[in-house]
Amino acid sequence: MAKANHCSAEELCGYLGLGQGRVPERINDLGQVDWARLCSAVQLTQHEIAAMTLPDSTHHGVQYVSQHDFQYCPRCVEKIPDLMLRHWRLAWSITCETCGLVLATNYPAKDVSGRLRGRALRGVEALKTAVATNNLARLRRVDLTMHLMAVLEIGNLRALTSGNERERLMALAAVGVSVTRPVLGAAIILRGNERMVFELRRAFPQHRRVIEQARGLSQDLGQRLSGRWKTEYPTSKTHGTNRPGASVSALQAARQAISELGAGANRGALLTRADAIWKSSGGVKS
């Protein structure tokens, strides 16, 4: 349009009331726009133009709108090179709304389990619903989860819109747990790691009560799982061997229990089921 009017893009934006001198991306970029001129120039209504922009997420701590193009639809881009659609920039977008194909990222993950993808999808729905309903309590919980992952160095604050597929799926899965069973999710992460507890106390002194609650649950979970193992299986002193990766298998058992019973299940039922899964996961090789 600027070329057709023999002017620069910056001059055209200024004429239309776009003081930032660039094409608007977010709804808050349209604050000073001359709607009469802009609607006439693009032959669209004010509502249609606003619907094409990204939502204003500056008043939320959760980074659910990417500032960059972190994913794309291979099929749509093949038809129209350099195409970039609005919903591709949203953290909860997994499939293309135009053709239904799964969106691709810059750094795809290999051998991602179906379980992780399933949990990520639950996180997608939880995040999308929280934003759509402006549920500030849930959004704060998601924000705290992202900060927790950053402190524990298992993610970062922008992981929800990361071009690294595995990192993003893990963040979305964490969101799914955080909005339904936040304390249990933290307990699984904290199990057997006092250093993490110390770091959380230091980083979030205002949440010490919740941190201690998660710590207590993690200790309860650990005792229920490892205590049963010690009483029912020989130790390394007897057989000269020990079961490798016990803490890893216990964590997997806890995750499987949540997957089977649902994140909203009773705490006792979750621990009992995790105990049974962990107990039947294998024996000691002599």
C-alpha atoms as a PDB file:
ATOM      1  CA  MET A   1       0.000   0.000   0.000  1.00  0.00           C
ATOM      2  CA  ALA A   2       2.856   2.368   0.815  1.00  0.00           C
ATOM      3  CA  LYS A   3       4.485   1.591  -2.529  1.00  0.00           C
ATOM      4  CA  ALA A   4       1.233   2.249  -4.386  1.00  0.00           C
ATOM      5  CA  ASN A   5       0.972   5.647  -2.700  1.00  0.00           C
ATOM      6  CA  HIS A   6       4.632   6.483  -3.384  1.00  0.00           C
ATOM      7  CA  CYS A   7       5.554   6.831   0.272  1.00  0.00           C
ATOM      8  CA  SER A   8       7.426   4.892   2.928  1.00  0.00           C
ATOM      9  CA  ALA A   9       5.760   2.447   5.311  1.00  0.00           C
ATOM     10  CA  GLU A  10       6.583   4.800   8.195  1.00  0.00           C
ATOM     11  CA  GLU A  11       4.868   7.719   6.442  1.00  0.00           C
ATOM     12  CA  LEU A  12       1.793   5.636   5.696  1.00  0.00           C
ATOM     13  CA  CYS A  13       1.593   4.448   9.308  1.00  0.00           C
ATOM     14  CA  GLY A  14       1.829   8.050  10.484  1.00  0.00           C
ATOM     15  CA  TYR A  15      -0.988   9.064   8.142  1.00  0.00           C
ATOM     16  CA  LEU A  16      -3.193   6.285   9.525  1.00  0.00           C
ATOM     17  CA  GLY A  17      -2.450   7.240  13.126  1.00  0.00           C
ATOM     18  CA  LEU A  18      -0.052   4.378  13.789  1.00  0.00           C
ATOM     19  CA  GLY A  19       2.530   6.376  15.683  1.00  0.00           C
ATOM     20  CA  GLN A  20       4.860   3.404  16.169  1.00  0.00           C
ATOM     21  CA  GLY A  21       5.736   3.606  12.464  1.00  0.00           C
ATOM     22  CA  ARG A  22       5.085  -0.073  11.777  1.00  0.00           C
ATOM     23  CA  VAL A  23       2.247  -2.412  11.002  1.00  0.00           C
ATOM     24  CA  PRO A  24       0.294  -3.042  14.242  1.00  0.00           C
ATOM     25  CA  GLU A  25       0.414  -6.522  15.756  1.00  0.00           C
ATOM     26  CA  ARG A  26      -1.367  -6.117  19.091  1.00  0.00           C
ATOM     27  CA  ILE A  27      -4.691  -4.564  19.960  1.00  0.00           C
ATOM     28  CA  ASN A  28      -2.981  -1.922  22.107  1.00  0.00           C
ATOM     29  CA  ASP A  29      -1.064  -0.742  19.007  1.00  0.00           C
ATOM     30  CA  LEU A  30      -4.359   0.694  17.715  1.00  0.00           C
ATOM     31  CA  GLY A  31      -4.852   3.183  20.537  1.00  0.00           C
ATOM     32  CA  GLN A  32      -4.226   6.321  18.446  1.00  0.00           C
ATOM     33  CA  VAL A  33      -5.258   4.976  15.059  1.00  0.00           C
ATOM     34  CA  ASP A  34      -7.427   7.042  12.717  1.00  0.00           C
ATOM     35  CA  TRP A  35     -10.171   4.465  12.288  1.00  0.00           C
ATOM     36  CA  ALA A  36     -11.920   6.275   9.443  1.00  0.00           C
ATOM     37  CA  ARG A  37      -8.760   6.367   7.341  1.00  0.00           C
ATOM     38  CA  LEU A  38      -7.616   2.847   8.271  1.00  0.00           C
ATOM     39  CA  CYS A  39     -11.002   1.210   7.604  1.00  0.00           C
ATOM     40  CA  SER A  40     -11.272   3.026   4.296  1.00  0.00           C
ATOM     41  CA  ALA A  41      -7.741   2.042   3.279  1.00  0.00           C
ATOM     42  CA  VAL A  42      -8.084  -1.692   3.976  1.00  0.00           C
ATOM     43  CA  GLN A  43     -11.841  -1.977   3.306  1.00  0.00           C
ATOM     44  CA  LEU A  44     -12.533  -3.634   6.649  1.00  0.00           C
ATOM     45  CA  THR A  45     -14.606  -2.666   9.681  1.00  0.00           C
ATOM     46  CA  GLN A  46     -13.079  -1.631  13.005  1.00  0.00           C
ATOM     47  CA  HIS A  47     -14.228  -4.916  14.552  1.00  0.00           C
ATOM     48  CA  GLU A  48     -12.662  -6.975  11.746  1.00  0.00           C
ATOM     49  CA  ILE A  49      -9.347  -5.150  12.074  1.00  0.00           C
ATOM     50  CA  ALA A  50      -9.285  -5.545  15.859  1.00  0.00           C
ATOM     51  CA  ALA A  51     -10.033  -9.275  15.504  1.00  0.00           C
ATOM     52  CA  MET A  52      -6.906  -9.680  13.360  1.00  0.00           C
ATOM     53  CA  THR A  53      -4.569  -8.323  16.048  1.00  0.00           C
ATOM     54  CA  LEU A  54      -2.938 -10.195  18.918  1.00  0.00           C
ATOM     55  CA  PRO A  55      -4.457  -9.755  22.398  1.00  0.00           C
ATOM     56  CA  ASP A  56      -2.851  -7.397  24.890  1.00  0.00           C
ATOM     57  CA  SER A  57      -1.111  -9.623  27.422  1.00  0.00           C
ATOM     58  CA  THR A  58       0.959  -6.926  29.124  1.00  0.00           C
ATOM     59  CA  HIS A  59      -1.356  -6.898  32.171  1.00  0.00           C
ATOM     60  CA  HIS A  60      -0.775 -10.625  32.720  1.00  0.00           C
ATOM     61  CA  GLY A  61       2.394 -12.184  34.077  1.00  0.00           C
ATOM     62  CA  VAL A  62       1.909 -15.240  31.870  1.00  0.00           C
ATOM     63  CA  GLN A  63       3.713 -15.016  28.521  1.00  0.00           C
ATOM     64  CA  TYR A  64       1.008 -16.632  26.392  1.00  0.00           C
ATOM     65  CA  VAL A  65       1.530 -14.445  23.303  1.00  0.00           C
ATOM     66  CA  SER A  66       4.853 -14.857  21.538  1.00  0.00           C
ATOM     67  CA  GLN A  67       6.774 -11.825  20.341  1.00  0.00           C
ATOM     68  CA  HIS A  68       8.264 -13.935  17.566  1.00  0.00           C
ATOM     69  CA  ASP A  69       7.165 -16.551  15.042  1.00  0.00           C
ATOM     70  CA  PHE A  70       7.955 -19.731  16.967  1.00  0.00           C
ATOM     71  CA  GLN A  71       5.766 -22.158  15.016  1.00  0.00           C
ATOM     72  CA  TYR A  72       4.117 -22.480  11.608  1.00  0.00           C
ATOM     73  CA  CYS A  73       1.909 -24.686   9.470  1.00  0.00           C
ATOM     74  CA  PRO A  74       3.997 -26.513   6.819  1.00  0.00           C
ATOM     75  CA  ARG A  75       0.987 -27.001   4.547  1.00  0.00           C
ATOM     76  CA  CYS A  76      -0.180 -23.378   4.609  1.00  0.00           C
ATOM     77  CA  VAL A  77       3.342 -21.984   4.252  1.00  0.00           C
ATOM     78  CA  GLU A  78       3.932 -24.259   1.271  1.00  0.00           C
ATOM     79  CA  LYS A  79       0.909 -22.707  -0.437  1.00  0.00           C
ATOM     80  CA  ILE A  80       1.647 -19.132   0.642  1.00  0.00           C
ATOM     81  CA  PRO A  81       5.331 -18.496   1.459  1.00  0.00           C
ATOM     82  CA  ASP A  82       6.015 -16.040   4.312  1.00  0.00           C
ATOM     83  CA  LEU A  83       2.466 -16.517   5.624  1.00  0.00           C
ATOM     84  CA  MET A  84       2.053 -15.920   9.366  1.00  0.00           C
ATOM     85  CA  LEU A  85      -1.337 -16.318  10.994  1.00  0.00           C
ATOM     86  CA  ARG A  86      -2.419 -14.742  14.253  1.00  0.00           C
ATOM     87  CA  HIS A  87      -3.221 -17.929  16.161  1.00  0.00           C
ATOM     88  CA  TRP A  88       0.233 -19.394  15.486  1.00  0.00           C
ATOM     89  CA  ARG A  89       1.635 -16.883  17.991  1.00  0.00           C
ATOM     90  CA  LEU A  90      -0.581 -18.087  20.870  1.00  0.00           C
ATOM     91  CA  ALA A  91       0.784 -20.497  23.475  1.00  0.00           C
ATOM     92  CA  TRP A  92      -2.243 -22.808  23.334  1.00  0.00           C
ATOM     93  CA  SER A  93      -2.207 -23.235  19.540  1.00  0.00           C
ATOM     94  CA  ILE A  94      -1.192 -26.784  18.662  1.00  0.00           C
ATOM     95  CA  THR A  95      -2.974 -27.290  15.336  1.00  0.00           C
ATOM     96  CA  CYS A  96      -3.618 -24.941  12.424  1.00  0.00           C
ATOM     97  CA  GLU A  97      -7.131 -23.508  12.516  1.00  0.00           C
ATOM     98  CA  THR A  98      -7.073 -23.191   8.719  1.00  0.00           C
ATOM     99  CA  CYS A  99      -6.213 -26.735   7.638  1.00  0.00           C
ATOM    100  CA  GLY A 100      -6.088 -28.759  10.877  1.00  0.00           C
ATOM    101  CA  LEU A 101      -2.456 -29.837  10.497  1.00  0.00           C
ATOM    102  CA  VAL A 102      -0.262 -30.035  13.601  1.00  0.00           C
ATOM    103  CA  LEU A 103       1.893 -26.905  13.800  1.00  0.00           C
ATOM    104  CA  ALA A 104       5.650 -27.364  13.404  1.00  0.00           C
ATOM    105  CA  THR A 105       8.339 -25.716  15.541  1.00  0.00           C
ATOM    106  CA  ASN A 106      11.862 -24.607  14.772  1.00  0.00           C
ATOM    107  CA  TYR A 107      13.328 -27.325  16.999  1.00  0.00           C
ATOM    108  CA  PRO A 108      11.084 -30.411  16.876  1.00  0.00           C
ATOM    109  CA  ALA A 109      11.465 -33.082  19.542  1.00  0.00           C
ATOM    110  CA  LYS A 110      12.176 -36.731  18.837  1.00  0.00           C
ATOM    111  CA  ASP A 111      10.527 -39.664  20.589  1.00  0.00           C
ATOM    112  CA  VAL A 112       8.030 -37.623  22.607  1.00  0.00           C
ATOM    113  CA  SER A 113       5.756 -39.972  24.553  1.00  0.00           C
ATOM    114  CA  GLY A 114       2.032 -39.977  23.994  1.00  0.00           C
ATOM    115  CA  ARG A 115       1.604 -39.427  27.719  1.00  0.00           C
ATOM    116  CA  LEU A 116       3.519 -36.147  27.630  1.00  0.00           C
ATOM    117  CA  ARG A 117       1.519 -34.967  24.621  1.00  0.00           C
ATOM    118  CA  GLY A 118      -1.704 -35.884  26.400  1.00  0.00           C
ATOM    119  CA  ARG A 119      -0.736 -33.879  29.468  1.00  0.00           C
ATOM    120  CA  ALA A 120       0.319 -30.981  27.270  1.00  0.00           C
ATOM    121  CA  LEU A 121      -3.115 -30.991  25.613  1.00  0.00           C
ATOM    122  CA  ARG A 122      -4.755 -30.754  29.031  1.00  0.00           C
ATOM    123  CA  GLY A 123      -2.486 -27.816  29.762  1.00  0.00           C
ATOM    124  CA  VAL A 124      -3.501 -26.228  26.453  1.00  0.00           C
ATOM    125  CA  GLU A 125      -7.187 -26.368  27.389  1.00  0.00           C
ATOM    126  CA  ALA A 126      -6.517 -25.105  30.915  1.00  0.00           C
ATOM    127  CA  LEU A 127      -4.482 -22.122  29.695  1.00  0.00           C
ATOM    128  CA  LYS A 128      -6.891 -21.262  26.883  1.00  0.00           C
ATOM    129  CA  THR A 129      -9.863 -21.352  29.254  1.00  0.00           C
ATOM    130  CA  ALA A 130      -8.087 -19.272  31.903  1.00  0.00           C
ATOM    131  CA  VAL A 131      -7.299 -16.547  29.360  1.00  0.00           C
ATOM    132  CA  ALA A 132     -10.732 -16.650  27.699  1.00  0.00           C
ATOM    133  CA  THR A 133     -12.526 -16.291  31.047  1.00  0.00           C
ATOM    134  CA  ASN A 134      -9.902 -13.913  32.460  1.00  0.00           C
ATOM    135  CA  ASN A 135      -9.520 -16.204  35.471  1.00  0.00           C
ATOM    136  CA  LEU A 136      -6.899 -14.203  37.344  1.00  0.00           C
ATOM    137  CA  ALA A 137      -6.441 -16.832  40.062  1.00  0.00           C
ATOM    138  CA  ARG A 138      -5.561 -19.513  37.514  1.00  0.00           C
ATOM    139  CA  LEU A 139      -3.374 -17.150  35.526  1.00  0.00           C
ATOM    140  CA  ARG A 140      -1.425 -16.300  38.679  1.00  0.00           C
ATOM    141  CA  ARG A 141      -1.052 -20.018  39.348  1.00  0.00           C
ATOM    142  CA  VAL A 142       0.297 -20.566  35.827  1.00  0.00           C
ATOM    143  CA  ASP A 143       2.693 -17.644  36.283  1.00  0.00           C
ATOM    144  CA  LEU A 144       3.935 -19.107  39.578  1.00  0.00           C
ATOM    145  CA  THR A 145       4.443 -22.473  37.861  1.00  0.00           C
ATOM    146  CA  MET A 146       6.610 -20.872  35.182  1.00  0.00           C
ATOM    147  CA  HIS A 147       8.677 -19.102  37.840  1.00  0.00           C
ATOM    148  CA  LEU A 148       9.010 -22.364  39.769  1.00  0.00           C
ATOM    149  CA  MET A 149      10.316 -24.137  36.663  1.00  0.00           C
ATOM    150  CA  ALA A 150      12.787 -21.301  36.095  1.00  0.00           C
ATOM    151  CA  VAL A 151      14.077 -21.419  39.680  1.00  0.00           C
ATOM    152  CA  LEU A 152      14.479 -25.198  39.480  1.00  0.00           C
ATOM    153  CA  GLU A 153      16.208 -24.809  36.096  1.00  0.00           C
ATOM    154  CA  ILE A 154      13.819 -27.158  34.300  1.00  0.00           C
ATOM    155  CA  GLY A 155      12.312 -24.435  32.128  1.00  0.00           C
ATOM    156  CA  ASN A 156      12.108 -20.679  31.654  1.00  0.00           C
ATOM    157  CA  LEU A 157       9.489 -17.946  31.782  1.00  0.00           C
ATOM    158  CA  ARG A 158       8.932 -18.050  28.012  1.00  0.00           C
ATOM    159  CA  ALA A 159       8.777 -21.836  27.680  1.00  0.00           C
ATOM    160  CA  LEU A 160       5.076 -21.732  26.740  1.00  0.00           C
ATOM    161  CA  THR A 161       6.011 -20.099  23.437  1.00  0.00           C
ATOM    162  CA  SER A 162       9.393 -21.749  22.969  1.00  0.00           C
ATOM    163  CA  GLY A 163      10.520 -22.944  19.560  1.00  0.00           C
ATOM    164  CA  ASN A 164      11.925 -26.005  21.345  1.00  0.00           C
ATOM    165  CA  GLU A 165       9.049 -28.482  21.134  1.00  0.00           C
ATOM    166  CA  ARG A 166      10.043 -30.639  24.115  1.00  0.00           C
ATOM    167  CA  GLU A 167      10.565 -27.607  26.356  1.00  0.00           C
ATOM    168  CA  ARG A 168       7.167 -26.232  25.371  1.00  0.00           C
ATOM    169  CA  LEU A 169       5.336 -29.543  25.847  1.00  0.00           C
ATOM    170  CA  MET A 170       6.827 -29.900  29.331  1.00  0.00           C
ATOM    171  CA  ALA A 171       5.714 -26.365  30.212  1.00  0.00           C
ATOM    172  CA  LEU A 172       2.178 -26.998  28.944  1.00  0.00           C
ATOM    173  CA  ALA A 173       2.038 -30.279  30.867  1.00  0.00           C
ATOM    174  CA  ALA A 174       3.128 -28.439  34.021  1.00  0.00           C
ATOM    175  CA  VAL A 175       0.357 -25.895  33.448  1.00  0.00           C
ATOM    176  CA  GLY A 176      -2.182 -28.701  33.284  1.00  0.00           C
ATOM    177  CA  VAL A 177      -1.123 -29.989  36.695  1.00  0.00           C
ATOM    178  CA  SER A 178      -0.757 -26.521  38.204  1.00  0.00           C
ATOM    179  CA  VAL A 179      -4.377 -25.496  37.639  1.00  0.00           C
ATOM    180  CA  THR A 180      -5.857 -28.746  38.973  1.00  0.00           C
ATOM    181  CA  ARG A 181      -3.406 -30.179  41.542  1.00  0.00           C
ATOM    182  CA  PRO A 182      -0.726 -27.496  42.032  1.00  0.00           C
ATOM    183  CA  VAL A 183       0.666 -28.792  45.330  1.00  0.00           C
ATOM    184  CA  LEU A 184       0.880 -32.377  44.073  1.00  0.00           C
ATOM    185  CA  GLY A 185       2.666 -31.229  40.927  1.00  0.00           C
ATOM    186  CA  ALA A 186       5.231 -29.338  43.000  1.00  0.00           C
ATOM    187  CA  ALA A 187       5.626 -32.338  45.337  1.00  0.00           C
ATOM    188  CA  ILE A 188       6.543 -34.646  42.457  1.00  0.00           C
ATOM    189  CA  ILE A 189       9.239 -32.211  41.342  1.00  0.00           C
ATOM    190  CA  LEU A 190      10.588 -31.648  44.870  1.00  0.00           C
ATOM    191  CA  ARG A 191      10.759 -35.300  45.902  1.00  0.00           C
ATOM    192  CA  GLY A 192      14.156 -36.069  47.427  1.00  0.00           C
ATOM    193  CA  ASN A 193      15.694 -32.692  46.574  1.00  0.00           C
ATOM    194  CA  GLU A 194      16.144 -30.415  49.584  1.00  0.00           C
ATOM    195  CA  ARG A 195      18.253 -27.992  47.549  1.00  0.00           C
ATOM    196  CA  MET A 196      15.226 -27.205  45.415  1.00  0.00           C
ATOM    197  CA  VAL A 197      13.168 -26.575  48.556  1.00  0.00           C
ATOM    198  CA  PHE A 198      15.809 -24.139  49.805  1.00  0.00           C
ATOM    199  CA  GLU A 199      15.874 -22.314  46.463  1.00  0.00           C
ATOM    200  CA  LEU A 200      12.087 -21.997  46.439  1.00  0.00           C
ATOM    201  CA  ARG A 201      12.025 -20.624  49.985  1.00  0.00           C
ATOM    202  CA  ARG A 202      14.612 -18.047  49.015  1.00  0.00           C
ATOM    203  CA  ALA A 203      12.921 -17.074  45.741  1.00  0.00           C
ATOM    204  CA  PHE A 204       9.325 -17.067  47.012  1.00  0.00           C
ATOM    205  CA  PRO A 205       9.325 -16.114  50.716  1.00  0.00           C
ATOM    206  CA  GLN A 206       5.682 -15.033  50.411  1.00  0.00           C
ATOM    207  CA  HIS A 207       4.686 -18.610  49.540  1.00  0.00           C
ATOM    208  CA  ARG A 208       6.486 -20.461  52.350  1.00  0.00           C
ATOM    209  CA  ARG A 209       3.286 -22.113  53.603  1.00  0.00           C
ATOM    210  CA  VAL A 210       2.513 -23.629  50.201  1.00  0.00           C
ATOM    211  CA  ILE A 211       6.159 -24.666  49.735  1.00  0.00           C
ATOM    212  CA  GLU A 212       6.139 -26.465  53.091  1.00  0.00           C
ATOM    213  CA  GLN A 213       2.870 -28.155  52.165  1.00  0.00           C
ATOM    214  CA  ALA A 214       4.400 -29.393  48.906  1.00  0.00           C
ATOM    215  CA  ARG A 215       7.544 -30.484  50.754  1.00  0.00           C
ATOM    216  CA  GLY A 216       5.488 -32.467  53.259  1.00  0.00           C
ATOM    217  CA  LEU A 217       3.556 -34.185  50.487  1.00  0.00           C
ATOM    218  CA  SER A 218       6.778 -35.008  48.635  1.00  0.00           C
ATOM    219  CA  GLN A 219       8.218 -36.613  51.789  1.00  0.00           C
ATOM    220  CA  ASP A 220       4.998 -38.562  52.300  1.00  0.00           C
ATOM    221  CA  LEU A 221       5.120 -39.756  48.706  1.00  0.00           C
ATOM    222  CA  GLY A 222       8.776 -40.752  49.045  1.00  0.00           C
ATOM    223  CA  GLN A 223       8.207 -42.687  52.268  1.00  0.00           C
ATOM    224  CA  ARG A 224       5.206 -44.522  50.865  1.00  0.00           C
ATOM    225  CA  LEU A 225       7.156 -45.640  47.804  1.00  0.00           C
ATOM    226  CA  SER A 226      10.694 -46.240  49.037  1.00  0.00           C
ATOM    227  CA  GLY A 227       9.577 -47.619  52.421  1.00  0.00           C
ATOM    228  CA  ARG A 228       7.585 -50.401  50.791  1.00  0.00           C
ATOM    229  CA  TRP A 229      10.537 -51.241  48.533  1.00  0.00           C
ATOM    230  CA  LYS A 230      12.983 -51.562  51.428  1.00  0.00           C
ATOM    231  CA  THR A 231      10.758 -53.924  53.405  1.00  0.00           C
ATOM    232  CA  GLU A 232       9.818 -56.232  50.550  1.00  0.00           C
ATOM    233  CA  TYR A 233      13.050 -56.509  48.528  1.00  0.00           C
ATOM    234  CA  PRO A 234      16.601 -57.483  49.569  1.00  0.00           C
ATOM    235  CA  THR A 235      19.133 -54.698  49.953  1.00  0.00           C
ATOM    236  CA  SER A 236      22.523 -54.375  48.321  1.00  0.00           C
ATOM    237  CA  LYS A 237      24.142 -55.650  51.547  1.00  0.00           C
ATOM    238  CA  THR A 238      22.487 -59.037  51.023  1.00  0.00           C
ATOM    239  CA  HIS A 239      22.788 -59.491  47.301  1.00  0.00           C
ATOM    240  CA  GLY A 240      25.563 -57.085  46.396  1.00  0.00           C
ATOM    241  CA  THR A 241      23.219 -55.180  44.146  1.00  0.00           C
ATOM    242  CA  ASN A 242      20.696 -52.425  44.325  1.00  0.00           C
ATOM    243  CA  ARG A 243      17.835 -51.417  42.138  1.00  0.00           C
ATOM    244  CA  PRO A 244      19.050 -48.687  39.753  1.00  0.00           C
ATOM    245  CA  GLY A 245      17.032 -45.585  39.215  1.00  0.00           C
ATOM    246  CA  ALA A 246      14.667 -46.151  42.153  1.00  0.00           C
ATOM    247  CA  SER A 247      13.876 -42.465  42.480  1.00  0.00           C
ATOM    248  CA  VAL A 248      13.272 -42.223  38.744  1.00  0.00           C
ATOM    249  CA  SER A 249      10.899 -45.195  38.729  1.00  0.00           C
ATOM    250  CA  ALA A 250       9.080 -43.812  41.761  1.00  0.00           C
ATOM    251  CA  LEU A 251       8.572 -40.522  39.960  1.00  0.00           C
ATOM    252  CA  GLN A 252       7.303 -42.374  36.897  1.00  0.00           C
ATOM    253  CA  ALA A 253       4.891 -44.322  39.096  1.00  0.00           C
ATOM    254  CA  ALA A 254       3.531 -41.107  40.587  1.00  0.00           C
ATOM    255  CA  ARG A 255       3.057 -39.613  37.151  1.00  0.00           C
ATOM    256  CA  GLN A 256       1.317 -42.745  35.882  1.00  0.00           C
ATOM    257  CA  ALA A 257      -1.033 -42.683  38.861  1.00  0.00           C
ATOM    258  CA  ILE A 258      -2.010 -39.102  38.064  1.00  0.00           C
ATOM    259  CA  SER A 259      -2.484 -40.054  34.417  1.00  0.00           C
ATOM    260  CA  GLU A 260      -4.764 -42.986  35.310  1.00  0.00           C
ATOM    261  CA  LEU A 261      -6.830 -41.470  38.125  1.00  0.00           C
ATOM    262  CA  GLY A 262      -6.821 -37.880  36.967  1.00  0.00           C
ATOM    263  CA  ALA A 263      -5.229 -34.828  38.521  1.00  0.00           C
ATOM    264  CA  GLY A 264      -8.333 -34.180  40.622  1.00  0.00           C
ATOM    265  CA  ALA A 265      -8.301 -37.573  42.339  1.00  0.00           C
ATOM    266  CA  ASN A 266      -8.076 -37.937  46.109  1.00  0.00           C
ATOM    267  CA  ARG A 267      -4.543 -37.613  47.469  1.00  0.00           C
ATOM    268  CA  GLY A 268      -4.709 -40.933  49.316  1.00  0.00           C
ATOM    269  CA  ALA A 269      -5.964 -42.737  46.220  1.00  0.00           C
ATOM    270  CA  LEU A 270      -3.146 -41.243  44.153  1.00  0.00           C
ATOM    271  CA  LEU A 271      -0.494 -42.332  46.653  1.00  0.00           C
ATOM    272  CA  THR A 272      -1.955 -45.833  46.959  1.00  0.00           C
ATOM    273  CA  ARG A 273      -2.113 -46.285  43.188  1.00  0.00           C
ATOM    274  CA  ALA A 274       1.433 -44.917  42.740  1.00  0.00           C
ATOM    275  CA  ASP A 275       2.614 -47.330  45.432  1.00  0.00           C
ATOM    276  CA  ALA A 276       1.048 -50.282  43.595  1.00  0.00           C
ATOM    277  CA  ILE A 277       2.506 -49.233  40.243  1.00  0.00           C
ATOM    278  CA  TRP A 278       5.979 -48.728  41.729  1.00  0.00           C
ATOM    279  CA  LYS A 279       5.849 -52.065  43.541  1.00  0.00           C
ATOM    280  CA  SER A 280       4.926 -53.996  40.377  1.00  0.00           C
ATOM    281  CA  SER A 281       7.368 -52.174  38.100  1.00  0.00           C
ATOM    282  CA  GLY A 282      10.097 -54.817  38.474  1.00  0.00           C
ATOM    283  CA  GLY A 283      12.371 -56.795  40.833  1.00  0.00           C
ATOM    284  CA  VAL A 284      16.005 -56.996  41.812  1.00  0.00           C
ATOM    285  CA  LYS A 285      18.284 -58.971  39.619  1.00  0.00           C
ATOM    286  CA  SER A 286      20.514 -61.303  41.608  1.00  0.00           C
END
